[in-house]
Amino acid sequence: MNPHDLPPATGWTLARRAERMNPSVLREILKVTERPGIISFAGGLPSPRAFPVAAFAAACAEVLRADGPGALQYAASEGYRPLREEVARMLPWDVSPEQVLITTGSQQGLDLVAKVLLDPGSRVLVETPTYLGALQAFGPMEPEVVGVASDDEGIAVADLARRRGGARFLYVLPNFQNPTGRTMSEVRRAALVQTARELALPLVEDNPYGDLWFDAPPPAPLAARHPEGTIYLGSFSKVLAPGLRLGYVVAPPAVFPKLLQAKQAADLHSPGFNQRMVAEVLRDGFLERHVPTIRALYKGQRDAMLAALEREMRGLGVEWNTPAGGMFLWARLPAGLDAVTLLPQAVERGVAFVPGAPFYAGAADARTLRLSFVTASAEEIDRGIAALAATIRDARTALAARGG
């Protein structure tokens, strides 16, 4: 009997929260882009050219030589103490290592925050648009997710009071935001912190891209201005390698113990061997030497995409921004076009992107799309943007023929 012909198992009843767990829209899109020959601007993956393989080969050998059994044993849930100390030292405000919780990627940090702070029906405020992975992390807790009006400088602070409504926290990515690539200005950060204090509104600040600036570093983090009212999330994925699955949460003493308990229940601890390797790599100031090479690489790729957009999209009615760092550029199609509908047409021409609609908590702008510029070469960027422009040109022609 073919095992696929067996009757379904009976007796399983899913929790209500499980019904709110949906496949990642981005992951489903990435399956389409895996076709041979596709130039993908879709994934949010760092460039493998930036991975410091030699540094980790040396760190791996040293960690095993110095204390192999300890590195391979169970470890403390809070994280490897020297790594927590290094994180505290790196941050631009006074942080105690006792406030640092090492997580299995900053995505786990979002999951822990959701478990500790959200009940069914709790209100959460987010930017418009916001990081899709955060929406997925919050969703199973069954909150009411409310988008706050946002512009090129980030959250529109004037809209916060109208949306506050007992919200548990505001989730925000001030630096080179995913998906838009925008950066919150100094003036806006100061106003946001002042308003958050007045409203007694906690902040959850996600900063995976903050070190990837091109010409000048971004303004100081929100957490540096309001440490007692901010949970701060960081990651080693974008500055070292995502395969390590290491991030961190810096939390005020009022909430740290509960985040730790949620971490213990989730996975006991993040990989201790990986933590020791990262601590070893960071020990002699490696990031200060390594991250500038990533910045130079990504800036060159951003510039290549901007030049290609200017050359290929002129006269098509497409709008785009100029990110000052990070990995993403945000674009908007001409009136009448829909990015979700356009995607399969673009894939047929050999190029892929991420439609913007999944990044919205409420009503979406169907014309928006995200372009990642960090994994494609300059030559691939030229060909991919040319293919995307041809797709848009054909779509506009078809729209006009329908009288749209």
Protein backbone atom coordinates (compact mmCIF):
# COMPACT_ATOMS: atom_id res chain seq x y z
CA MET A 1 0.00 0.00 0.00
CA ASN A 2 1.34 3.39 -0.95
CA PRO A 3 1.91 5.39 2.29
CA HIS A 4 0.34 8.39 0.59
CA ASP A 5 -2.91 6.41 0.36
CA LEU A 6 -3.16 5.91 4.12
CA PRO A 7 -6.12 7.57 5.82
CA PRO A 8 -5.30 10.77 7.70
CA ALA A 9 -4.43 10.52 11.39
CA THR A 10 -7.37 11.25 13.67
CA GLY A 11 -7.70 12.90 17.04
CA TRP A 12 -5.46 15.90 16.44
CA THR A 13 -6.94 19.25 17.44
CA LEU A 14 -4.92 22.32 16.62
CA ALA A 15 -4.64 25.18 19.07
CA ARG A 16 -6.28 28.39 17.96
CA ARG A 17 -2.89 30.06 17.73
CA ALA A 18 -1.73 27.38 15.27
CA GLU A 19 -4.44 28.47 12.87
CA ARG A 20 -2.79 31.90 12.84
CA MET A 21 0.55 30.44 11.76
CA ASN A 22 0.84 30.87 8.02
CA PRO A 23 3.66 30.11 5.58
CA SER A 24 6.07 32.97 5.08
CA VAL A 25 5.02 34.84 1.95
CA LEU A 26 8.68 35.60 1.32
CA ARG A 27 9.66 31.93 1.61
CA GLU A 28 6.97 30.95 -0.87
CA ILE A 29 8.19 33.63 -3.26
CA LEU A 30 11.77 32.44 -2.86
CA LYS A 31 10.73 28.96 -4.04
CA VAL A 32 9.69 30.53 -7.34
CA THR A 33 12.99 32.39 -7.62
CA GLU A 34 15.03 29.18 -7.25
CA ARG A 35 14.46 28.40 -10.93
CA PRO A 36 17.78 28.29 -12.82
CA GLY A 37 18.74 31.58 -14.40
CA ILE A 38 16.53 33.81 -12.24
CA ILE A 39 18.16 37.05 -11.11
CA SER A 40 16.69 37.51 -7.66
CA PHE A 41 16.27 40.84 -5.91
CA ALA A 42 13.79 39.10 -3.59
CA GLY A 43 15.70 37.51 -0.73
CA GLY A 44 16.85 39.35 2.36
CA LEU A 45 20.08 37.34 2.43
CA PRO A 46 23.46 38.93 3.14
CA SER A 47 26.08 38.53 0.45
CA PRO A 48 28.14 35.36 1.01
CA ARG A 49 31.13 37.36 -0.21
CA ALA A 50 30.98 39.14 3.16
CA PHE A 51 31.23 35.98 5.28
CA PRO A 52 34.56 35.86 7.19
CA VAL A 53 35.22 32.16 6.61
CA ALA A 54 38.92 32.26 7.48
CA ALA A 55 38.27 34.05 10.77
CA PHE A 56 35.75 31.40 11.78
CA ALA A 57 38.03 28.55 10.75
CA ALA A 58 40.68 29.93 13.10
CA ALA A 59 38.12 30.59 15.87
CA CYS A 60 36.71 27.07 15.57
CA ALA A 61 40.15 25.53 16.05
CA GLU A 62 40.92 27.80 19.00
CA VAL A 63 37.61 27.15 20.75
CA LEU A 64 38.08 23.38 20.48
CA ARG A 65 41.71 23.63 21.59
CA ALA A 66 41.02 25.86 24.58
CA ASP A 67 37.93 24.08 25.94
CA GLY A 68 36.36 21.65 23.51
CA PRO A 69 34.27 19.77 26.09
CA GLY A 70 32.89 23.02 27.53
CA ALA A 71 32.04 24.32 24.06
CA LEU A 72 30.11 21.14 23.26
CA GLN A 73 28.23 20.95 26.59
CA TYR A 74 24.87 22.46 27.59
CA ALA A 75 25.22 26.12 28.51
CA ALA A 76 23.55 28.94 30.43
CA SER A 77 20.23 30.17 29.05
CA GLU A 78 21.35 33.80 29.31
CA GLY A 79 24.23 33.10 26.95
CA TYR A 80 28.01 32.77 27.07
CA ARG A 81 29.23 35.37 29.54
CA PRO A 82 32.16 36.73 27.48
CA LEU A 83 29.83 37.21 24.50
CA ARG A 84 27.27 39.03 26.64
CA GLU A 85 30.07 41.27 27.90
CA GLU A 86 31.20 41.97 24.34
CA VAL A 87 27.66 42.90 23.27
CA ALA A 88 27.34 45.28 26.22
CA ARG A 89 30.70 46.84 25.31
CA MET A 90 29.73 47.33 21.65
CA LEU A 91 26.55 49.27 22.33
CA PRO A 92 26.65 53.10 22.42
CA TRP A 93 25.02 53.49 25.84
CA ASP A 94 25.63 52.12 29.31
CA VAL A 95 24.49 48.49 29.25
CA SER A 96 25.17 45.82 31.86
CA PRO A 97 25.92 42.29 30.61
CA GLU A 98 23.12 41.24 32.99
CA GLN A 99 20.67 42.91 30.59
CA VAL A 100 21.90 40.95 27.55
CA LEU A 101 20.13 37.77 26.51
CA ILE A 102 21.70 35.81 23.63
CA THR A 103 19.02 34.51 21.28
CA THR A 104 18.84 32.13 18.35
CA GLY A 105 18.79 34.94 15.85
CA SER A 106 16.99 38.20 16.51
CA GLN A 107 13.89 36.52 15.09
CA GLN A 108 13.71 34.51 18.32
CA GLY A 109 13.93 37.78 20.20
CA LEU A 110 10.72 38.89 18.48
CA ASP A 111 9.08 35.59 19.39
CA LEU A 112 10.08 35.96 23.06
CA VAL A 113 8.83 39.54 23.19
CA ALA A 114 5.49 38.42 21.78
CA LYS A 115 5.14 35.58 24.27
CA VAL A 116 5.98 37.75 27.26
CA LEU A 117 4.11 40.96 26.39
CA LEU A 118 1.07 39.98 24.33
CA ASP A 119 -2.32 38.51 25.19
CA PRO A 120 -5.12 37.78 22.73
CA GLY A 121 -6.54 41.12 21.68
CA SER A 122 -3.54 43.14 22.86
CA ARG A 123 -2.79 46.12 20.65
CA VAL A 124 0.62 46.35 18.99
CA LEU A 125 1.70 49.40 17.00
CA VAL A 126 3.97 49.00 13.97
CA GLU A 127 5.33 51.18 11.19
CA THR A 128 3.64 51.33 7.79
CA PRO A 129 4.97 49.13 6.24
CA THR A 130 6.88 46.93 8.68
CA TYR A 131 9.04 43.80 8.84
CA LEU A 132 7.04 40.75 7.77
CA GLY A 133 8.91 38.47 10.19
CA ALA A 134 7.68 40.56 13.10
CA LEU A 135 4.09 40.25 11.94
CA GLN A 136 4.60 36.48 11.81
CA ALA A 137 6.14 36.39 15.29
CA PHE A 138 3.35 38.45 16.82
CA GLY A 139 0.49 36.73 14.98
CA PRO A 140 0.15 33.50 17.02
CA MET A 141 -0.39 35.56 20.18
CA GLU A 142 -3.55 36.90 18.52
CA PRO A 143 -2.91 40.62 18.99
CA GLU A 144 -4.54 43.55 17.26
CA VAL A 145 -1.73 44.86 15.06
CA VAL A 146 -2.21 48.50 14.10
CA GLY A 147 -0.13 50.35 11.54
CA VAL A 148 0.96 53.88 12.41
CA ALA A 149 1.26 56.42 9.61
CA SER A 150 4.86 56.67 8.40
CA ASP A 151 6.84 58.71 5.89
CA ASP A 152 10.40 58.90 4.58
CA GLU A 153 11.67 59.77 8.08
CA GLY A 154 9.88 56.87 9.77
CA ILE A 155 6.97 56.86 12.23
CA ALA A 156 4.69 59.90 12.04
CA VAL A 157 4.77 60.77 15.73
CA ALA A 158 1.58 62.81 15.51
CA ASP A 159 -0.32 59.60 14.71
CA LEU A 160 0.89 57.74 17.81
CA ALA A 161 -1.52 59.32 20.29
CA ARG A 162 -4.45 58.48 18.02
CA ARG A 163 -3.33 54.85 17.76
CA ARG A 164 -2.10 54.36 21.34
CA GLY A 165 -5.35 52.87 22.66
CA GLY A 166 -3.68 50.81 25.40
CA ALA A 167 -1.04 49.38 23.06
CA ARG A 168 1.48 47.08 24.75
CA PHE A 169 4.36 48.46 22.68
CA LEU A 170 5.46 50.10 19.44
CA TYR A 171 7.68 47.95 17.23
CA VAL A 172 10.09 50.01 15.12
CA LEU A 173 13.17 49.59 12.90
CA PRO A 174 14.85 53.03 12.83
CA ASN A 175 17.89 52.11 10.70
CA PHE A 176 17.70 51.15 7.00
CA GLN A 177 14.34 49.56 7.62
CA ASN A 178 13.19 46.27 6.18
CA PRO A 179 11.40 46.58 3.78
CA THR A 180 11.75 50.25 2.82
CA GLY A 181 15.42 50.98 3.52
CA ARG A 182 14.45 54.30 5.14
CA THR A 183 16.20 55.73 8.21
CA MET A 184 14.54 57.65 11.02
CA SER A 185 15.98 61.14 11.34
CA GLU A 186 17.49 62.59 14.51
CA VAL A 187 14.60 65.01 14.91
CA ARG A 188 12.05 62.22 14.52
CA ARG A 189 13.85 59.97 17.03
CA ALA A 190 13.90 62.68 19.64
CA ALA A 191 10.20 63.38 19.10
CA LEU A 192 9.33 59.69 19.19
CA VAL A 193 11.10 59.11 22.49
CA GLN A 194 9.52 62.19 24.04
CA THR A 195 6.06 61.06 22.92
CA ALA A 196 6.66 57.48 24.09
CA ARG A 197 7.56 58.81 27.54
CA GLU A 198 4.46 61.01 27.65
CA LEU A 199 2.20 58.14 26.57
CA ALA A 200 3.97 55.54 28.74
CA LEU A 201 4.34 53.54 25.54
CA PRO A 202 7.11 50.90 25.60
CA LEU A 203 9.31 50.60 22.52
CA VAL A 204 10.71 47.49 20.86
CA GLU A 205 13.63 48.63 18.71
CA ASP A 206 14.92 46.17 16.09
CA ASN A 207 18.33 47.02 14.68
CA PRO A 208 19.82 44.28 12.49
CA TYR A 209 21.14 46.69 9.84
CA GLY A 210 22.43 49.65 11.87
CA ASP A 211 26.13 48.94 11.25
CA LEU A 212 25.65 48.78 7.47
CA TRP A 213 25.74 52.53 6.81
CA PHE A 214 27.38 53.84 3.65
CA ASP A 215 28.48 57.44 4.17
CA ALA A 216 27.66 58.31 7.79
CA PRO A 217 26.41 56.35 10.80
CA PRO A 218 22.74 56.72 11.71
CA PRO A 219 21.65 58.71 14.78
CA ALA A 220 21.84 57.14 18.24
CA PRO A 221 19.44 54.28 18.99
CA LEU A 222 16.12 54.90 20.71
CA ALA A 223 17.30 52.63 23.51
CA ALA A 224 20.24 54.95 24.20
CA ARG A 225 17.73 57.77 24.84
CA HIS A 226 15.11 55.75 26.69
CA PRO A 227 16.77 52.59 28.09
CA GLU A 228 14.19 51.90 30.79
CA GLY A 229 11.36 51.96 28.26
CA THR A 230 12.96 50.12 25.32
CA ILE A 231 13.70 46.51 24.46
CA TYR A 232 16.53 46.46 21.91
CA LEU A 233 17.17 43.63 19.45
CA GLY A 234 20.42 43.08 17.57
CA SER A 235 21.88 40.41 15.33
CA PHE A 236 25.17 38.90 14.20
CA SER A 237 23.55 37.67 10.97
CA LYS A 238 24.22 40.79 8.91
CA VAL A 239 27.73 41.60 10.16
CA LEU A 240 29.11 38.05 10.47
CA ALA A 241 26.92 35.24 9.06
CA PRO A 242 23.25 34.26 9.34
CA GLY A 243 24.05 30.55 9.60
CA LEU A 244 25.33 31.13 13.13
CA ARG A 245 21.74 31.90 14.22
CA LEU A 246 22.85 34.30 16.92
CA GLY A 247 21.22 37.54 17.99
CA TYR A 248 20.62 39.31 21.26
CA VAL A 249 18.04 41.17 23.29
CA VAL A 250 18.92 44.03 25.63
CA ALA A 251 16.05 44.42 28.07
CA PRO A 252 15.26 46.61 31.08
CA PRO A 253 15.44 44.76 34.42
CA ALA A 254 11.64 44.91 34.69
CA VAL A 255 11.15 42.49 31.79
CA PHE A 256 14.47 40.62 31.47
CA PRO A 257 13.58 37.74 33.87
CA LYS A 258 10.42 36.85 31.97
CA LEU A 259 12.22 36.96 28.61
CA LEU A 260 14.82 34.62 30.09
CA GLN A 261 12.13 32.22 31.29
CA ALA A 262 10.52 32.24 27.84
CA LYS A 263 13.95 31.51 26.33
CA GLN A 264 14.47 28.59 28.71
CA ALA A 265 11.13 27.11 27.69
CA ALA A 266 11.84 27.61 23.98
CA ASP A 267 15.26 26.01 23.51
CA LEU A 268 17.21 26.02 26.83
CA HIS A 269 19.98 28.09 25.21
CA SER A 270 21.34 29.19 21.84
CA PRO A 271 24.20 27.07 20.42
CA GLY A 272 27.04 27.38 22.90
CA PHE A 273 29.72 26.40 20.42
CA ASN A 274 28.61 29.15 18.03
CA GLN A 275 28.56 31.67 20.87
CA ARG A 276 32.13 30.84 21.81
CA MET A 277 33.27 31.10 18.20
CA VAL A 278 31.69 34.54 17.85
CA ALA A 279 33.23 35.67 21.14
CA GLU A 280 36.61 34.48 19.90
CA VAL A 281 36.24 36.28 16.56
CA LEU A 282 35.21 39.52 18.27
CA ARG A 283 37.91 39.38 20.92
CA ASP A 284 40.50 41.54 19.11
CA GLY A 285 38.24 44.14 17.52
CA PHE A 286 37.50 42.14 14.38
CA LEU A 287 34.21 43.89 13.62
CA GLU A 288 35.90 47.28 13.43
CA ARG A 289 38.05 45.90 10.59
CA HIS A 290 35.47 43.67 8.92
CA VAL A 291 32.27 45.72 8.76
CA PRO A 292 33.79 48.51 6.60
CA THR A 293 34.40 45.92 3.88
CA ILE A 294 30.69 45.00 3.95
CA ARG A 295 29.71 48.66 3.75
CA ALA A 296 31.92 49.25 0.72
CA LEU A 297 30.57 46.14 -1.01
CA TYR A 298 26.92 47.00 -0.40
CA LYS A 299 27.33 50.65 -1.28
CA GLY A 300 28.75 49.69 -4.65
CA GLN A 301 25.82 47.37 -5.30
CA ARG A 302 23.31 50.01 -4.20
CA ASP A 303 24.90 52.51 -6.55
CA ALA A 304 24.73 49.98 -9.38
CA MET A 305 21.02 49.46 -8.80
CA LEU A 306 20.29 53.19 -8.58
CA ALA A 307 22.16 53.76 -11.85
CA ALA A 308 20.26 50.92 -13.53
CA LEU A 309 16.92 52.23 -12.29
CA GLU A 310 17.69 55.71 -13.55
CA ARG A 311 18.72 54.34 -16.92
CA GLU A 312 15.97 51.72 -17.45
CA MET A 313 12.95 53.16 -15.63
CA ARG A 314 13.06 56.72 -16.94
CA GLY A 315 9.62 57.70 -18.23
CA LEU A 316 7.85 54.62 -16.86
CA GLY A 317 6.31 56.34 -13.82
CA VAL A 318 8.23 54.19 -11.34
CA GLU A 319 9.34 55.80 -8.05
CA TRP A 320 12.17 54.63 -5.77
CA ASN A 321 14.18 55.83 -2.80
CA THR A 322 17.92 56.07 -2.09
CA PRO A 323 18.73 54.11 1.09
CA ALA A 324 21.67 55.40 3.13
CA GLY A 325 22.61 51.89 4.22
CA GLY A 326 21.32 48.38 4.71
CA MET A 327 20.24 45.93 2.04
CA PHE A 328 16.96 47.12 0.53
CA LEU A 329 15.46 49.68 -1.81
CA TRP A 330 11.72 50.47 -1.94
CA ALA A 331 9.95 51.16 -5.21
CA ARG A 332 6.44 52.01 -6.35
CA LEU A 333 4.87 51.03 -9.64
CA PRO A 334 2.84 53.34 -11.90
CA ALA A 335 -0.86 53.78 -11.17
CA GLY A 336 -2.96 50.81 -12.18
CA LEU A 337 -0.28 48.15 -11.69
CA ASP A 338 -0.14 45.57 -8.91
CA ALA A 339 3.20 44.15 -7.73
CA VAL A 340 1.71 40.74 -6.85
CA THR A 341 0.26 40.42 -10.35
CA LEU A 342 3.48 41.68 -11.92
CA LEU A 343 5.76 39.17 -10.14
CA PRO A 344 5.06 36.06 -12.25
CA GLN A 345 5.42 38.15 -15.40
CA ALA A 346 8.81 39.36 -14.15
CA VAL A 347 9.88 35.81 -13.29
CA GLU A 348 9.08 34.77 -16.85
CA ARG A 349 11.61 37.41 -17.95
CA GLY A 350 14.17 36.07 -15.49
CA VAL A 351 13.96 38.53 -12.58
CA ALA A 352 12.28 38.39 -9.16
CA PHE A 353 11.38 40.86 -6.41
CA VAL A 354 9.19 40.90 -3.30
CA PRO A 355 5.77 42.57 -3.57
CA GLY A 356 5.23 45.13 -0.83
CA ALA A 357 1.70 44.13 0.21
CA PRO A 358 2.67 41.45 2.81
CA PHE A 359 4.62 44.06 4.82
CA TYR A 360 1.51 46.05 5.75
CA ALA A 361 -0.44 45.43 8.96
CA GLY A 362 -3.55 47.07 7.49
CA ALA A 363 -4.55 48.26 4.05
CA ALA A 364 -1.63 47.67 1.70
CA ASP A 365 -0.25 49.74 -1.15
CA ALA A 366 -0.41 47.13 -3.92
CA ARG A 367 1.94 49.17 -6.11
CA THR A 368 4.94 48.83 -3.79
CA LEU A 369 7.81 46.35 -4.01
CA ARG A 370 11.13 45.62 -2.30
CA LEU A 371 14.41 45.19 -4.15
CA SER A 372 17.46 43.70 -2.43
CA PHE A 373 20.73 44.81 -4.00
CA VAL A 374 23.33 42.89 -1.97
CA THR A 375 23.47 39.38 -3.48
CA ALA A 376 23.49 40.24 -7.19
CA SER A 377 26.58 41.37 -9.07
CA ALA A 378 26.63 44.71 -10.86
CA GLU A 379 26.21 42.89 -14.18
CA GLU A 380 23.24 40.91 -12.83
CA ILE A 381 21.73 44.11 -11.45
CA ASP A 382 21.95 45.71 -14.89
CA ARG A 383 20.29 42.73 -16.60
CA GLY A 384 17.70 42.25 -13.85
CA ILE A 385 16.56 45.88 -13.76
CA ALA A 386 16.39 45.94 -17.56
CA ALA A 387 14.16 42.84 -17.45
CA LEU A 388 11.99 44.39 -14.75
CA ALA A 389 11.63 47.59 -16.78
CA ALA A 390 10.57 45.58 -19.82
CA THR A 391 7.98 43.77 -17.68
CA ILE A 392 6.58 47.06 -16.41
CA ARG A 393 6.54 48.49 -19.93
CA ASP A 394 4.53 45.52 -21.19
CA ALA A 395 2.14 45.73 -18.24
CA ARG A 396 1.52 49.42 -18.88
CA THR A 397 0.84 48.70 -22.54
CA ALA A 398 -1.64 45.97 -21.62
CA LEU A 399 -3.31 48.27 -19.09
CA ALA A 400 -3.69 51.01 -21.70
CA ALA A 401 -5.16 48.54 -24.16
CA ARG A 402 -7.82 47.66 -21.58
CA GLY A 403 -8.56 51.34 -21.12
CA GLY A 404 -6.95 51.46 -17.65
